[in-house]
Amino acid sequence: MTDTMFLDHLAIRLNGERAAGQKLAINWIQPDTGKRYALTVENGVFRYKADAQHVAPQVTISMPRQTLAGVLAGQTTLPAEVQAGRARVDGDAGALRTWVGLMDKFDTNFAIVTP
């Protein structure tokens, strides 16, 4: 899965109603690839811009995509990844918790065809 596909997936998971009053500016740096993204939640919508960073982000996260995916999927926690040295958080970690809390969790074991 490419970064674009991963971020598009996160945009789909954002619960627009819960995110309606939120305004978040998050910088994401992938230390293993050097890629940088400016992530924004505003007006109930998640947007991202590649090769960009917010001038005044609420939080900057530095972690590989696989680590972020694990945190968002609930397979690991951000404190555990920071403790293990696989992630770094600069700024308001509460903004990151807010963003994660705005994500819907979908049941992947649904029947595609029913009798």
N, C-alpha and C. Protein backbone atom coordinates (compact mmCIF):
# COMPACT_ATOMS: atom_id res chain seq x y z
N MET A 1 0.85 -1.17 0.00
CA MET A 1 0.00 0.00 0.00
C MET A 1 0.91 1.24 0.00
N THR A 2 0.62 2.16 -0.87
CA THR A 2 1.41 3.39 -0.95
C THR A 2 0.99 4.34 0.18
N ASP A 3 1.81 5.36 0.41
CA ASP A 3 1.45 6.37 1.42
C ASP A 3 0.13 7.04 1.07
N THR A 4 -0.07 7.34 -0.21
CA THR A 4 -1.31 7.98 -0.65
C THR A 4 -2.52 7.11 -0.34
N MET A 5 -2.40 5.81 -0.62
CA MET A 5 -3.50 4.90 -0.32
C MET A 5 -3.76 4.84 1.18
N PHE A 6 -2.69 4.79 1.97
CA PHE A 6 -2.81 4.74 3.42
C PHE A 6 -3.51 5.99 3.94
N LEU A 7 -3.09 7.15 3.48
CA LEU A 7 -3.70 8.41 3.94
C LEU A 7 -5.13 8.55 3.44
N ASP A 8 -5.42 8.08 2.23
CA ASP A 8 -6.81 8.08 1.74
C ASP A 8 -7.68 7.18 2.62
N HIS A 9 -7.13 6.06 3.03
CA HIS A 9 -7.84 5.15 3.94
C HIS A 9 -8.17 5.87 5.26
N LEU A 10 -7.21 6.63 5.78
CA LEU A 10 -7.45 7.39 7.02
C LEU A 10 -8.53 8.44 6.81
N ALA A 11 -8.55 9.05 5.63
CA ALA A 11 -9.59 10.05 5.34
C ALA A 11 -10.97 9.41 5.35
N ILE A 12 -11.07 8.18 4.86
CA ILE A 12 -12.34 7.46 4.86
C ILE A 12 -12.76 7.11 6.29
N ARG A 13 -11.80 6.77 7.13
CA ARG A 13 -12.10 6.37 8.51
C ARG A 13 -12.50 7.54 9.40
N LEU A 14 -12.18 8.78 9.01
CA LEU A 14 -12.51 9.93 9.85
C LEU A 14 -14.03 10.07 9.96
N ASN A 15 -14.52 10.15 11.18
CA ASN A 15 -15.95 10.37 11.42
C ASN A 15 -16.22 11.86 11.30
N GLY A 16 -16.81 12.25 10.19
CA GLY A 16 -17.04 13.67 9.90
C GLY A 16 -17.88 14.39 10.94
N GLU A 17 -18.88 13.71 11.48
CA GLU A 17 -19.74 14.36 12.48
C GLU A 17 -18.95 14.67 13.75
N ARG A 18 -18.16 13.71 14.22
CA ARG A 18 -17.35 13.94 15.42
C ARG A 18 -16.24 14.96 15.16
N ALA A 19 -15.76 15.00 13.93
CA ALA A 19 -14.65 15.90 13.60
C ALA A 19 -15.11 17.31 13.25
N ALA A 20 -16.42 17.53 13.17
CA ALA A 20 -16.96 18.80 12.68
C ALA A 20 -16.41 20.03 13.41
N GLY A 21 -16.23 19.98 14.70
CA GLY A 21 -15.76 21.13 15.44
C GLY A 21 -14.26 21.15 15.70
N GLN A 22 -13.55 20.20 15.13
CA GLN A 22 -12.12 20.07 15.39
C GLN A 22 -11.29 20.79 14.33
N LYS A 23 -10.15 21.30 14.77
CA LYS A 23 -9.17 21.87 13.85
C LYS A 23 -7.80 21.40 14.32
N LEU A 24 -7.21 20.49 13.53
CA LEU A 24 -5.93 19.89 13.90
C LEU A 24 -4.91 20.10 12.78
N ALA A 25 -3.70 20.40 13.18
CA ALA A 25 -2.57 20.52 12.26
C ALA A 25 -1.46 19.63 12.78
N ILE A 26 -1.17 18.57 12.02
CA ILE A 26 -0.20 17.56 12.44
C ILE A 26 0.84 17.40 11.35
N ASN A 27 2.10 17.43 11.73
CA ASN A 27 3.18 17.10 10.80
C ASN A 27 3.60 15.66 11.04
N TRP A 28 3.75 14.91 9.94
CA TRP A 28 4.19 13.52 10.03
C TRP A 28 5.48 13.38 9.23
N ILE A 29 6.50 12.91 9.90
CA ILE A 29 7.80 12.67 9.27
C ILE A 29 8.09 11.17 9.34
N GLN A 30 8.48 10.61 8.21
CA GLN A 30 8.88 9.21 8.16
C GLN A 30 10.41 9.18 8.17
N PRO A 31 11.02 8.89 9.32
CA PRO A 31 12.48 8.94 9.39
C PRO A 31 13.18 7.91 8.51
N ASP A 32 12.51 6.80 8.22
CA ASP A 32 13.14 5.76 7.41
C ASP A 32 13.19 6.12 5.93
N THR A 33 12.27 6.96 5.46
CA THR A 33 12.22 7.33 4.04
C THR A 33 12.50 8.81 3.80
N GLY A 34 12.39 9.62 4.85
CA GLY A 34 12.56 11.06 4.69
C GLY A 34 11.32 11.77 4.19
N LYS A 35 10.24 11.03 3.98
CA LYS A 35 9.00 11.65 3.49
C LYS A 35 8.37 12.48 4.61
N ARG A 36 7.69 13.57 4.18
CA ARG A 36 7.04 14.48 5.12
C ARG A 36 5.64 14.79 4.62
N TYR A 37 4.71 14.86 5.57
CA TYR A 37 3.32 15.16 5.23
C TYR A 37 2.75 16.16 6.22
N ALA A 38 1.95 17.08 5.71
CA ALA A 38 1.17 17.98 6.54
C ALA A 38 -0.24 17.40 6.58
N LEU A 39 -0.70 17.01 7.77
CA LEU A 39 -2.03 16.41 7.95
C LEU A 39 -2.93 17.45 8.59
N THR A 40 -4.14 17.58 8.08
CA THR A 40 -5.07 18.59 8.58
C THR A 40 -6.45 17.99 8.78
N VAL A 41 -7.07 18.32 9.90
CA VAL A 41 -8.50 18.03 10.12
C VAL A 41 -9.17 19.37 10.31
N GLU A 42 -10.15 19.66 9.46
CA GLU A 42 -10.87 20.92 9.55
C GLU A 42 -12.21 20.76 8.83
N ASN A 43 -13.25 21.33 9.41
CA ASN A 43 -14.60 21.24 8.84
C ASN A 43 -15.05 19.80 8.62
N GLY A 44 -14.65 18.91 9.52
CA GLY A 44 -15.08 17.52 9.45
C GLY A 44 -14.39 16.71 8.37
N VAL A 45 -13.28 17.21 7.82
CA VAL A 45 -12.60 16.55 6.71
C VAL A 45 -11.12 16.38 7.05
N PHE A 46 -10.55 15.24 6.67
CA PHE A 46 -9.11 14.99 6.81
C PHE A 46 -8.46 15.22 5.45
N ARG A 47 -7.43 16.06 5.45
CA ARG A 47 -6.66 16.33 4.23
C ARG A 47 -5.18 16.12 4.54
N TYR A 48 -4.42 15.90 3.49
CA TYR A 48 -2.97 15.79 3.65
C TYR A 48 -2.28 16.38 2.44
N LYS A 49 -1.06 16.81 2.67
CA LYS A 49 -0.25 17.34 1.57
C LYS A 49 1.14 16.74 1.70
N ALA A 50 1.59 16.09 0.62
CA ALA A 50 2.90 15.47 0.60
C ALA A 50 3.99 16.52 0.44
N ASP A 51 5.17 16.20 0.92
CA ASP A 51 6.33 17.08 0.82
C ASP A 51 6.05 18.46 1.40
N ALA A 52 5.31 18.48 2.50
CA ALA A 52 4.94 19.75 3.13
C ALA A 52 4.90 19.56 4.64
N GLN A 53 5.00 20.66 5.35
CA GLN A 53 4.89 20.67 6.80
C GLN A 53 4.14 21.94 7.21
N HIS A 54 3.32 21.84 8.25
CA HIS A 54 2.67 23.02 8.79
C HIS A 54 3.73 23.91 9.44
N VAL A 55 3.54 25.22 9.34
CA VAL A 55 4.47 26.16 9.96
C VAL A 55 4.34 26.09 11.49
N ALA A 56 3.12 25.99 11.97
CA ALA A 56 2.87 25.95 13.42
C ALA A 56 1.95 24.77 13.75
N PRO A 57 2.48 23.53 13.69
CA PRO A 57 1.64 22.37 13.97
C PRO A 57 1.36 22.25 15.47
N GLN A 58 0.25 21.60 15.78
CA GLN A 58 -0.02 21.29 17.18
C GLN A 58 0.91 20.18 17.66
N VAL A 59 1.21 19.27 16.75
CA VAL A 59 2.09 18.14 17.10
C VAL A 59 2.83 17.68 15.84
N THR A 60 4.04 17.21 16.04
CA THR A 60 4.82 16.58 14.98
C THR A 60 5.13 15.16 15.42
N ILE A 61 4.78 14.22 14.55
CA ILE A 61 5.07 12.82 14.85
C ILE A 61 6.14 12.33 13.87
N SER A 62 7.07 11.58 14.39
CA SER A 62 8.14 11.03 13.58
C SER A 62 8.14 9.52 13.81
N MET A 63 7.67 8.80 12.78
CA MET A 63 7.62 7.34 12.86
C MET A 63 7.39 6.77 11.48
N PRO A 64 7.86 5.54 11.24
CA PRO A 64 7.58 4.89 9.96
C PRO A 64 6.08 4.64 9.79
N ARG A 65 5.67 4.50 8.55
CA ARG A 65 4.24 4.29 8.26
C ARG A 65 3.71 3.04 8.96
N GLN A 66 4.49 1.96 8.99
CA GLN A 66 4.03 0.73 9.63
C GLN A 66 3.75 0.94 11.11
N THR A 67 4.55 1.77 11.76
CA THR A 67 4.34 2.05 13.17
C THR A 67 3.05 2.85 13.36
N LEU A 68 2.85 3.88 12.53
CA LEU A 68 1.62 4.67 12.62
C LEU A 68 0.40 3.79 12.34
N ALA A 69 0.49 2.93 11.36
CA ALA A 69 -0.62 2.03 11.04
C ALA A 69 -0.94 1.13 12.23
N GLY A 70 0.08 0.62 12.91
CA GLY A 70 -0.13 -0.22 14.09
C GLY A 70 -0.80 0.53 15.22
N VAL A 71 -0.41 1.78 15.43
CA VAL A 71 -1.03 2.60 16.48
C VAL A 71 -2.51 2.85 16.14
N LEU A 72 -2.78 3.22 14.88
CA LEU A 72 -4.16 3.53 14.49
C LEU A 72 -5.05 2.29 14.48
N ALA A 73 -4.44 1.12 14.25
CA ALA A 73 -5.21 -0.13 14.24
C ALA A 73 -5.40 -0.70 15.63
N GLY A 74 -4.75 -0.10 16.62
CA GLY A 74 -4.87 -0.60 17.98
C GLY A 74 -3.98 -1.80 18.27
N GLN A 75 -3.04 -2.10 17.36
CA GLN A 75 -2.14 -3.23 17.56
C GLN A 75 -1.02 -2.89 18.53
N THR A 76 -0.77 -1.61 18.72
CA THR A 76 0.24 -1.13 19.65
C THR A 76 -0.22 0.24 20.15
N THR A 77 0.52 0.80 21.07
CA THR A 77 0.18 2.12 21.57
C THR A 77 1.31 3.09 21.27
N LEU A 78 0.97 4.35 21.21
CA LEU A 78 1.99 5.36 20.96
C LEU A 78 3.03 5.39 22.08
N PRO A 79 2.62 5.35 23.36
CA PRO A 79 3.65 5.32 24.41
C PRO A 79 4.61 4.13 24.28
N ALA A 80 4.09 2.97 23.89
CA ALA A 80 4.95 1.80 23.72
C ALA A 80 5.94 2.01 22.60
N GLU A 81 5.51 2.63 21.51
CA GLU A 81 6.39 2.88 20.36
C GLU A 81 7.43 3.94 20.69
N VAL A 82 7.04 4.95 21.45
CA VAL A 82 8.00 5.98 21.89
C VAL A 82 9.04 5.34 22.81
N GLN A 83 8.57 4.53 23.74
CA GLN A 83 9.47 3.84 24.69
C GLN A 83 10.46 2.94 23.96
N ALA A 84 9.99 2.30 22.89
CA ALA A 84 10.84 1.39 22.12
C ALA A 84 11.76 2.13 21.16
N GLY A 85 11.57 3.44 21.03
CA GLY A 85 12.42 4.23 20.15
C GLY A 85 11.98 4.22 18.69
N ARG A 86 10.79 3.70 18.40
CA ARG A 86 10.30 3.65 17.03
C ARG A 86 9.46 4.86 16.67
N ALA A 87 9.15 5.72 17.65
CA ALA A 87 8.33 6.90 17.40
C ALA A 87 8.80 8.05 18.28
N ARG A 88 8.54 9.25 17.78
CA ARG A 88 8.86 10.46 18.53
C ARG A 88 7.70 11.43 18.36
N VAL A 89 7.32 12.09 19.45
CA VAL A 89 6.23 13.05 19.43
C VAL A 89 6.75 14.37 19.98
N ASP A 90 6.61 15.43 19.19
CA ASP A 90 6.99 16.78 19.63
C ASP A 90 5.75 17.66 19.59
N GLY A 91 5.43 18.27 20.72
CA GLY A 91 4.27 19.15 20.77
C GLY A 91 3.17 18.54 21.63
N ASP A 92 1.93 18.86 21.29
CA ASP A 92 0.76 18.47 22.07
C ASP A 92 0.31 17.06 21.69
N ALA A 93 0.69 16.08 22.48
CA ALA A 93 0.28 14.69 22.20
C ALA A 93 -1.23 14.54 22.27
N GLY A 94 -1.90 15.45 22.99
CA GLY A 94 -3.36 15.42 23.06
C GLY A 94 -4.00 15.62 21.69
N ALA A 95 -3.37 16.40 20.82
CA ALA A 95 -3.89 16.60 19.46
C ALA A 95 -3.86 15.29 18.69
N LEU A 96 -2.82 14.51 18.91
CA LEU A 96 -2.71 13.21 18.26
C LEU A 96 -3.77 12.25 18.79
N ARG A 97 -3.99 12.26 20.11
CA ARG A 97 -5.04 11.41 20.70
C ARG A 97 -6.42 11.82 20.17
N THR A 98 -6.63 13.12 20.01
CA THR A 98 -7.90 13.60 19.46
C THR A 98 -8.09 13.05 18.05
N TRP A 99 -7.05 13.14 17.21
CA TRP A 99 -7.13 12.66 15.84
C TRP A 99 -7.46 11.17 15.79
N VAL A 100 -6.76 10.39 16.59
CA VAL A 100 -7.00 8.94 16.62
C VAL A 100 -8.43 8.66 17.09
N GLY A 101 -8.91 9.46 18.05
CA GLY A 101 -10.27 9.28 18.56
C GLY A 101 -11.36 9.63 17.57
N LEU A 102 -11.03 10.35 16.52
CA LEU A 102 -12.00 10.72 15.50
C LEU A 102 -12.16 9.66 14.42
N MET A 103 -11.34 8.60 14.49
CA MET A 103 -11.38 7.55 13.48
C MET A 103 -12.44 6.51 13.82
N ASP A 104 -13.21 6.14 12.81
CA ASP A 104 -14.16 5.03 12.95
C ASP A 104 -13.40 3.72 12.80
N LYS A 105 -13.91 2.69 13.45
CA LYS A 105 -13.36 1.35 13.30
C LYS A 105 -14.40 0.52 12.56
N PHE A 106 -13.99 -0.06 11.45
CA PHE A 106 -14.90 -0.84 10.63
C PHE A 106 -14.70 -2.32 10.88
N ASP A 107 -15.80 -3.06 10.87
CA ASP A 107 -15.75 -4.52 10.98
C ASP A 107 -15.34 -5.07 9.63
N THR A 108 -14.21 -5.73 9.57
CA THR A 108 -13.74 -6.27 8.28
C THR A 108 -14.28 -7.67 8.01
N ASN A 109 -15.01 -8.24 8.95
CA ASN A 109 -15.58 -9.58 8.77
C ASN A 109 -17.06 -9.52 8.44
N PHE A 110 -17.41 -8.71 7.47
CA PHE A 110 -18.80 -8.62 7.08
C PHE A 110 -19.06 -9.50 5.86
N ALA A 111 -20.29 -9.95 5.73
CA ALA A 111 -20.65 -10.80 4.61
C ALA A 111 -20.85 -9.95 3.35
N ILE A 112 -20.13 -10.27 2.31
CA ILE A 112 -20.27 -9.55 1.06
C ILE A 112 -21.54 -9.99 0.34
N VAL A 113 -21.80 -11.28 0.41
CA VAL A 113 -23.01 -11.83 -0.20
C VAL A 113 -23.76 -12.57 0.90
N THR A 114 -25.03 -12.29 0.99
CA THR A 114 -25.86 -13.00 1.98
C THR A 114 -26.94 -13.76 1.26
N PRO A 115 -27.38 -14.88 1.84
CA PRO A 115 -28.42 -15.69 1.18
C PRO A 115 -29.76 -14.98 1.15
